[in-house]
């Protein structure tokens, strides 16, 4: 039995759930369209270029959550799943998840996106274990602040190591599937780094390192 780790955005699903959540909020009229859409798009470009200020972005992403009750947020998320996530579920990704499970591997998602957005997407793939950026919750409401270390770049390694110690797991025989060069710190410590529909920077690095590259599209 080995650990099979999956990135979520543009790996297990065919787009970025964090960016799409912002688009959903704009389309449904839940946020100021012009201001929010422009900021959302700029943060996404920063992510793709590798210069994202993760704390600034997370506060931006968590602010709309802090303005609503959990009941309202859960209703919104059900709409989001139906309108934005179901169309980008990737059958090839599901098949590989199922294959790892059939071999007895332990499957986990590690994503920089906050857990409110991503946990139910993971469950849609039958993956109950997920490490994501946690929003602070007080009295059953999001505060708009980040709780702990964001699961981004080196933060993914830090949070994974904490989880490994807690679960008495190791990286022996481990796999990590990702599309993004932002995930290099984690790709470099697993036994089987695998690029999935990689960005140009990651594809170039994978070629140098002779890492396999596959597609779920």
C-alpha atoms as a PDB file:
ATOM      1  CA  UNK A   1       0.000   0.000   0.000  1.00  0.00           C
ATOM      2  CA  UNK A   2       1.319   3.426  -0.978  1.00  0.00           C
ATOM      3  CA  UNK A   3       0.172   7.006  -0.673  1.00  0.00           C
ATOM      4  CA  UNK A   4      -1.415   8.433  -3.834  1.00  0.00           C
ATOM      5  CA  UNK A   5      -1.539  12.228  -3.606  1.00  0.00           C
ATOM      6  CA  UNK A   6      -3.509  14.312  -6.089  1.00  0.00           C
ATOM      7  CA  UNK A   7      -3.539  18.028  -6.712  1.00  0.00           C
ATOM      8  CA  UNK A   8      -7.071  19.201  -7.466  1.00  0.00           C
ATOM      9  CA  UNK A   9      -7.253  22.238  -9.733  1.00  0.00           C
ATOM     10  CA  UNK A  10      -6.422  21.529 -13.377  1.00  0.00           C
ATOM     11  CA  UNK A  11      -5.430  18.009 -12.316  1.00  0.00           C
ATOM     12  CA  UNK A  12      -8.443  16.073 -11.025  1.00  0.00           C
ATOM     13  CA  UNK A  13     -10.790  18.675 -12.515  1.00  0.00           C
ATOM     14  CA  UNK A  14     -10.552  20.466 -15.831  1.00  0.00           C
ATOM     15  CA  UNK A  15     -10.224  24.002 -14.472  1.00  0.00           C
ATOM     16  CA  UNK A  16      -9.376  25.923 -11.294  1.00  0.00           C
ATOM     17  CA  UNK A  17     -12.083  25.643  -8.622  1.00  0.00           C
ATOM     18  CA  UNK A  18     -10.889  28.719  -6.736  1.00  0.00           C
ATOM     19  CA  UNK A  19     -11.102  30.897  -9.843  1.00  0.00           C
ATOM     20  CA  UNK A  20     -14.452  29.344 -10.814  1.00  0.00           C
ATOM     21  CA  UNK A  21     -15.889  30.011  -7.359  1.00  0.00           C
ATOM     22  CA  UNK A  22     -15.127  33.675  -7.940  1.00  0.00           C
ATOM     23  CA  UNK A  23     -16.814  33.511 -11.344  1.00  0.00           C
ATOM     24  CA  UNK A  24     -19.812  31.839  -9.730  1.00  0.00           C
ATOM     25  CA  UNK A  25     -20.132  34.598  -7.130  1.00  0.00           C
ATOM     26  CA  UNK A  26     -19.975  37.226  -9.876  1.00  0.00           C
ATOM     27  CA  UNK A  27     -22.478  35.495 -12.172  1.00  0.00           C
ATOM     28  CA  UNK A  28     -24.973  34.944  -9.364  1.00  0.00           C
ATOM     29  CA  UNK A  29     -24.688  38.569  -8.246  1.00  0.00           C
ATOM     30  CA  UNK A  30     -23.391  37.657  -4.810  1.00  0.00           C
ATOM     31  CA  UNK A  31     -20.441  40.088  -5.046  1.00  0.00           C
ATOM     32  CA  UNK A  32     -19.682  43.365  -6.779  1.00  0.00           C
ATOM     33  CA  UNK A  33     -19.077  42.144 -10.293  1.00  0.00           C
ATOM     34  CA  UNK A  34     -16.577  44.641 -11.700  1.00  0.00           C
ATOM     35  CA  UNK A  35     -14.335  44.919  -8.663  1.00  0.00           C
ATOM     36  CA  UNK A  36     -14.345  41.264  -7.668  1.00  0.00           C
ATOM     37  CA  UNK A  37     -13.925  39.834 -11.167  1.00  0.00           C
ATOM     38  CA  UNK A  38     -10.896  42.004 -11.898  1.00  0.00           C
ATOM     39  CA  UNK A  39      -9.182  41.069  -8.645  1.00  0.00           C
ATOM     40  CA  UNK A  40     -10.026  37.396  -9.100  1.00  0.00           C
ATOM     41  CA  UNK A  41      -8.530  37.385 -12.593  1.00  0.00           C
ATOM     42  CA  UNK A  42      -5.356  39.169 -11.444  1.00  0.00           C
ATOM     43  CA  UNK A  43      -4.765  36.747  -8.587  1.00  0.00           C
ATOM     44  CA  UNK A  44      -5.197  33.836 -11.005  1.00  0.00           C
ATOM     45  CA  UNK A  45      -2.603  35.322 -13.351  1.00  0.00           C
ATOM     46  CA  UNK A  46      -0.249  35.787 -10.396  1.00  0.00           C
ATOM     47  CA  UNK A  47      -0.720  32.125  -9.502  1.00  0.00           C
ATOM     48  CA  UNK A  48       0.076  30.964 -13.020  1.00  0.00           C
ATOM     49  CA  UNK A  49       3.191  33.149 -13.161  1.00  0.00           C
ATOM     50  CA  UNK A  50       4.438  31.977  -9.760  1.00  0.00           C
ATOM     51  CA  UNK A  51       4.256  35.322  -7.938  1.00  0.00           C
ATOM     52  CA  UNK A  52       1.031  34.881  -5.973  1.00  0.00           C
ATOM     53  CA  UNK A  53       0.884  36.462  -2.521  1.00  0.00           C
ATOM     54  CA  UNK A  54      -0.937  33.532  -0.980  1.00  0.00           C
ATOM     55  CA  UNK A  55      -2.041  35.289   2.205  1.00  0.00           C
ATOM     56  CA  UNK A  56      -3.436  38.277   0.319  1.00  0.00           C
ATOM     57  CA  UNK A  57      -5.243  35.958  -2.052  1.00  0.00           C
ATOM     58  CA  UNK A  58      -6.692  33.781   0.687  1.00  0.00           C
ATOM     59  CA  UNK A  59      -8.067  36.800   2.538  1.00  0.00           C
ATOM     60  CA  UNK A  60      -9.640  37.941  -0.727  1.00  0.00           C
ATOM     61  CA  UNK A  61     -11.174  34.495  -1.294  1.00  0.00           C
ATOM     62  CA  UNK A  62     -12.346  34.067   2.292  1.00  0.00           C
ATOM     63  CA  UNK A  63     -13.966  37.505   2.640  1.00  0.00           C
ATOM     64  CA  UNK A  64     -17.234  36.542   0.855  1.00  0.00           C
ATOM     65  CA  UNK A  65     -17.487  33.478   3.097  1.00  0.00           C
ATOM     66  CA  UNK A  66     -17.254  35.683   6.186  1.00  0.00           C
ATOM     67  CA  UNK A  67     -20.287  37.688   5.075  1.00  0.00           C
ATOM     68  CA  UNK A  68     -22.757  34.796   5.001  1.00  0.00           C
ATOM     69  CA  UNK A  69     -24.098  32.106   7.306  1.00  0.00           C
ATOM     70  CA  UNK A  70     -22.979  28.503   6.876  1.00  0.00           C
ATOM     71  CA  UNK A  71     -26.505  27.636   5.775  1.00  0.00           C
ATOM     72  CA  UNK A  72     -26.366  30.157   2.936  1.00  0.00           C
ATOM     73  CA  UNK A  73     -22.842  29.136   1.959  1.00  0.00           C
ATOM     74  CA  UNK A  74     -23.830  25.484   1.761  1.00  0.00           C
ATOM     75  CA  UNK A  75     -26.764  26.350  -0.520  1.00  0.00           C
ATOM     76  CA  UNK A  76     -24.428  28.370  -2.721  1.00  0.00           C
ATOM     77  CA  UNK A  77     -21.940  25.506  -2.859  1.00  0.00           C
ATOM     78  CA  UNK A  78     -24.605  23.054  -4.032  1.00  0.00           C
ATOM     79  CA  UNK A  79     -25.375  25.423  -6.904  1.00  0.00           C
ATOM     80  CA  UNK A  80     -21.663  25.805  -7.613  1.00  0.00           C
ATOM     81  CA  UNK A  81     -21.159  22.046  -7.807  1.00  0.00           C
ATOM     82  CA  UNK A  82     -24.014  21.651 -10.264  1.00  0.00           C
ATOM     83  CA  UNK A  83     -23.247  24.602 -12.532  1.00  0.00           C
ATOM     84  CA  UNK A  84     -19.444  24.796 -12.468  1.00  0.00           C
ATOM     85  CA  UNK A  85     -17.894  21.574 -11.171  1.00  0.00           C
ATOM     86  CA  UNK A  86     -19.951  18.747 -12.663  1.00  0.00           C
ATOM     87  CA  UNK A  87     -19.120  19.865 -16.237  1.00  0.00           C
ATOM     88  CA  UNK A  88     -15.363  19.638 -15.513  1.00  0.00           C
ATOM     89  CA  UNK A  89     -15.261  16.284 -13.715  1.00  0.00           C
ATOM     90  CA  UNK A  90     -12.747  14.146 -15.624  1.00  0.00           C
ATOM     91  CA  UNK A  91     -13.592  10.437 -16.089  1.00  0.00           C
ATOM     92  CA  UNK A  92      -9.919   9.527 -16.648  1.00  0.00           C
ATOM     93  CA  UNK A  93      -9.071  11.114 -13.320  1.00  0.00           C
ATOM     94  CA  UNK A  94     -11.828   9.148 -11.609  1.00  0.00           C
ATOM     95  CA  UNK A  95     -10.567   5.946 -13.189  1.00  0.00           C
ATOM     96  CA  UNK A  96      -7.049   6.486 -11.839  1.00  0.00           C
ATOM     97  CA  UNK A  97      -8.354   7.309  -8.365  1.00  0.00           C
ATOM     98  CA  UNK A  98     -10.365   4.085  -8.452  1.00  0.00           C
ATOM     99  CA  UNK A  99      -7.327   2.159  -9.675  1.00  0.00           C
ATOM    100  CA  UNK A 100      -5.219   3.335  -6.743  1.00  0.00           C
ATOM    101  CA  UNK A 101      -7.988   2.420  -4.335  1.00  0.00           C
ATOM    102  CA  UNK A 102      -8.312  -1.034  -5.873  1.00  0.00           C
ATOM    103  CA  UNK A 103      -4.592  -1.596  -5.217  1.00  0.00           C
ATOM    104  CA  UNK A 104      -5.077  -0.643  -1.586  1.00  0.00           C
ATOM    105  CA  UNK A 105      -3.342   2.722  -1.864  1.00  0.00           C
ATOM    106  CA  UNK A 106      -4.368   5.554   0.430  1.00  0.00           C
ATOM    107  CA  UNK A 107      -5.656   8.456  -1.672  1.00  0.00           C
ATOM    108  CA  UNK A 108      -5.482  12.077  -0.531  1.00  0.00           C
ATOM    109  CA  UNK A 109      -5.905  15.475  -2.175  1.00  0.00           C
ATOM    110  CA  UNK A 110      -3.564  18.351  -1.356  1.00  0.00           C
ATOM    111  CA  UNK A 111      -4.721  21.674  -2.755  1.00  0.00           C
ATOM    112  CA  UNK A 112      -3.966  25.336  -2.171  1.00  0.00           C
ATOM    113  CA  UNK A 113      -7.664  26.147  -2.519  1.00  0.00           C
ATOM    114  CA  UNK A 114      -9.631  26.517   0.698  1.00  0.00           C
ATOM    115  CA  UNK A 115     -11.372  23.493   2.138  1.00  0.00           C
ATOM    116  CA  UNK A 116     -14.860  25.013   1.924  1.00  0.00           C
ATOM    117  CA  UNK A 117     -14.638  24.976  -1.861  1.00  0.00           C
ATOM    118  CA  UNK A 118     -12.701  21.741  -2.274  1.00  0.00           C
ATOM    119  CA  UNK A 119     -13.841  19.176   0.284  1.00  0.00           C
ATOM    120  CA  UNK A 120     -17.071  18.330  -1.507  1.00  0.00           C
ATOM    121  CA  UNK A 121     -15.247  18.152  -4.835  1.00  0.00           C
ATOM    122  CA  UNK A 122     -12.938  15.577  -3.278  1.00  0.00           C
ATOM    123  CA  UNK A 123     -15.938  13.624  -2.020  1.00  0.00           C
ATOM    124  CA  UNK A 124     -17.368  13.720  -5.552  1.00  0.00           C
ATOM    125  CA  UNK A 125     -14.328  11.642  -6.554  1.00  0.00           C
ATOM    126  CA  UNK A 126     -14.747   9.394  -3.526  1.00  0.00           C
ATOM    127  CA  UNK A 127     -11.737  10.944  -1.753  1.00  0.00           C
ATOM    128  CA  UNK A 128     -12.488  11.677   1.892  1.00  0.00           C
ATOM    129  CA  UNK A 129      -9.000  12.815   2.900  1.00  0.00           C
ATOM    130  CA  UNK A 130      -8.036  16.320   1.855  1.00  0.00           C
ATOM    131  CA  UNK A 131      -5.506  18.908   2.945  1.00  0.00           C
ATOM    132  CA  UNK A 132      -6.369  22.429   1.848  1.00  0.00           C
ATOM    133  CA  UNK A 133      -6.026  25.964   3.103  1.00  0.00           C
ATOM    134  CA  UNK A 134      -8.236  26.349   6.168  1.00  0.00           C
ATOM    135  CA  UNK A 135     -10.362  29.396   6.766  1.00  0.00           C
ATOM    136  CA  UNK A 136     -10.675  30.438  10.391  1.00  0.00           C
ATOM    137  CA  UNK A 137     -14.122  29.678  11.849  1.00  0.00           C
ATOM    138  CA  UNK A 138     -15.483  31.274  15.032  1.00  0.00           C
ATOM    139  CA  UNK A 139     -19.032  30.575  16.265  1.00  0.00           C
ATOM    140  CA  UNK A 140     -19.752  28.647  13.067  1.00  0.00           C
ATOM    141  CA  UNK A 141     -18.871  31.576  10.812  1.00  0.00           C
ATOM    142  CA  UNK A 142     -15.803  32.259   8.704  1.00  0.00           C
ATOM    143  CA  UNK A 143     -13.827  35.238   9.961  1.00  0.00           C
ATOM    144  CA  UNK A 144     -12.094  35.959   6.655  1.00  0.00           C
ATOM    145  CA  UNK A 145      -8.689  35.017   8.076  1.00  0.00           C
ATOM    146  CA  UNK A 146      -6.501  32.001   7.349  1.00  0.00           C
ATOM    147  CA  UNK A 147      -6.106  29.334  10.028  1.00  0.00           C
ATOM    148  CA  UNK A 148      -2.637  27.790  10.005  1.00  0.00           C
ATOM    149  CA  UNK A 149      -0.310  27.339   7.050  1.00  0.00           C
ATOM    150  CA  UNK A 150      -1.755  27.599   3.525  1.00  0.00           C
ATOM    151  CA  UNK A 151      -1.197  24.480   1.438  1.00  0.00           C
ATOM    152  CA  UNK A 152       0.738  26.313  -1.256  1.00  0.00           C
ATOM    153  CA  UNK A 153       4.235  25.601  -2.621  1.00  0.00           C
ATOM    154  CA  UNK A 154       6.437  24.696   0.385  1.00  0.00           C
ATOM    155  CA  UNK A 155       3.330  24.867   2.546  1.00  0.00           C
ATOM    156  CA  UNK A 156       2.091  21.687   0.907  1.00  0.00           C
ATOM    157  CA  UNK A 157       5.215  19.874   2.086  1.00  0.00           C
ATOM    158  CA  UNK A 158       4.918  21.290   5.605  1.00  0.00           C
ATOM    159  CA  UNK A 159       1.278  20.330   5.951  1.00  0.00           C
ATOM    160  CA  UNK A 160       1.878  16.898   4.425  1.00  0.00           C
ATOM    161  CA  UNK A 161       4.709  16.192   6.839  1.00  0.00           C
ATOM    162  CA  UNK A 162       2.444  17.113   9.748  1.00  0.00           C
ATOM    163  CA  UNK A 163      -0.216  14.780   8.386  1.00  0.00           C
ATOM    164  CA  UNK A 164       2.283  11.940   7.849  1.00  0.00           C
ATOM    165  CA  UNK A 165       3.431  12.188  11.462  1.00  0.00           C
ATOM    166  CA  UNK A 166      -0.131  12.266  12.760  1.00  0.00           C
ATOM    167  CA  UNK A 167      -1.240   9.322  10.605  1.00  0.00           C
ATOM    168  CA  UNK A 168       1.972   7.319  11.086  1.00  0.00           C
ATOM    169  CA  UNK A 169       2.405   7.222   7.301  1.00  0.00           C
ATOM    170  CA  UNK A 170       5.522   7.494   5.122  1.00  0.00           C
ATOM    171  CA  UNK A 171       6.274   8.548   1.558  1.00  0.00           C
ATOM    172  CA  UNK A 172       7.701   5.150   0.660  1.00  0.00           C
ATOM    173  CA  UNK A 173       6.328   4.250  -2.760  1.00  0.00           C
ATOM    174  CA  UNK A 174       4.312   7.486  -2.877  1.00  0.00           C
ATOM    175  CA  UNK A 175       2.789   9.151  -5.943  1.00  0.00           C
ATOM    176  CA  UNK A 176       1.974  12.798  -6.540  1.00  0.00           C
ATOM    177  CA  UNK A 177      -0.045  13.978  -9.538  1.00  0.00           C
ATOM    178  CA  UNK A 178       0.017  17.692 -10.411  1.00  0.00           C
ATOM    179  CA  UNK A 179      -0.259  20.151 -13.287  1.00  0.00           C
ATOM    180  CA  UNK A 180       1.622  23.094 -11.774  1.00  0.00           C
ATOM    181  CA  UNK A 181       5.229  24.165 -11.317  1.00  0.00           C
ATOM    182  CA  UNK A 182       4.033  25.675  -8.030  1.00  0.00           C
ATOM    183  CA  UNK A 183       3.971  22.076  -6.764  1.00  0.00           C
ATOM    184  CA  UNK A 184       7.669  21.385  -7.406  1.00  0.00           C
ATOM    185  CA  UNK A 185       8.524  21.199  -3.679  1.00  0.00           C
ATOM    186  CA  UNK A 186       6.148  18.264  -3.246  1.00  0.00           C
ATOM    187  CA  UNK A 187       6.861  16.638  -6.608  1.00  0.00           C
ATOM    188  CA  UNK A 188      10.540  16.473  -5.677  1.00  0.00           C
ATOM    189  CA  UNK A 189      10.055  14.482  -2.462  1.00  0.00           C
ATOM    190  CA  UNK A 190       7.717  11.677  -3.587  1.00  0.00           C
ATOM    191  CA  UNK A 191       8.917   8.443  -5.158  1.00  0.00           C
ATOM    192  CA  UNK A 192       6.695   8.808  -8.219  1.00  0.00           C
ATOM    193  CA  UNK A 193       6.182  12.417  -9.412  1.00  0.00           C
ATOM    194  CA  UNK A 194       3.724  12.447 -12.309  1.00  0.00           C
ATOM    195  CA  UNK A 195       2.794  15.508 -14.342  1.00  0.00           C
ATOM    196  CA  UNK A 196      -0.853  15.759 -15.404  1.00  0.00           C
ATOM    197  CA  UNK A 197      -1.710  18.187 -18.207  1.00  0.00           C
ATOM    198  CA  UNK A 198       1.236  20.243 -17.018  1.00  0.00           C
ATOM    199  CA  UNK A 199       1.872  23.928 -17.515  1.00  0.00           C
ATOM    200  CA  UNK A 200       4.781  24.853 -19.791  1.00  0.00           C
ATOM    201  CA  UNK A 201       7.262  25.405 -16.952  1.00  0.00           C
ATOM    202  CA  UNK A 202       6.480  22.078 -15.319  1.00  0.00           C
ATOM    203  CA  UNK A 203       6.591  20.189 -18.629  1.00  0.00           C
ATOM    204  CA  UNK A 204      10.077  21.542 -19.294  1.00  0.00           C
ATOM    205  CA  UNK A 205      11.258  20.489 -15.831  1.00  0.00           C
ATOM    206  CA  UNK A 206       9.625  17.081 -16.205  1.00  0.00           C
ATOM    207  CA  UNK A 207      11.480  16.553 -19.461  1.00  0.00           C
ATOM    208  CA  UNK A 208      14.813  17.375 -17.776  1.00  0.00           C
ATOM    209  CA  UNK A 209      14.081  15.085 -14.836  1.00  0.00           C
ATOM    210  CA  UNK A 210      12.519  12.324 -16.934  1.00  0.00           C
ATOM    211  CA  UNK A 211       9.258  12.473 -15.003  1.00  0.00           C
ATOM    212  CA  UNK A 212       6.255  10.845 -16.720  1.00  0.00           C
ATOM    213  CA  UNK A 213       3.612  13.130 -18.137  1.00  0.00           C
ATOM    214  CA  UNK A 214      -0.010  12.071 -18.657  1.00  0.00           C
ATOM    215  CA  UNK A 215      -3.341  13.675 -19.544  1.00  0.00           C
ATOM    216  CA  UNK A 216      -6.802  13.358 -18.037  1.00  0.00           C
ATOM    217  CA  UNK A 217      -8.359  15.555 -20.743  1.00  0.00           C
END
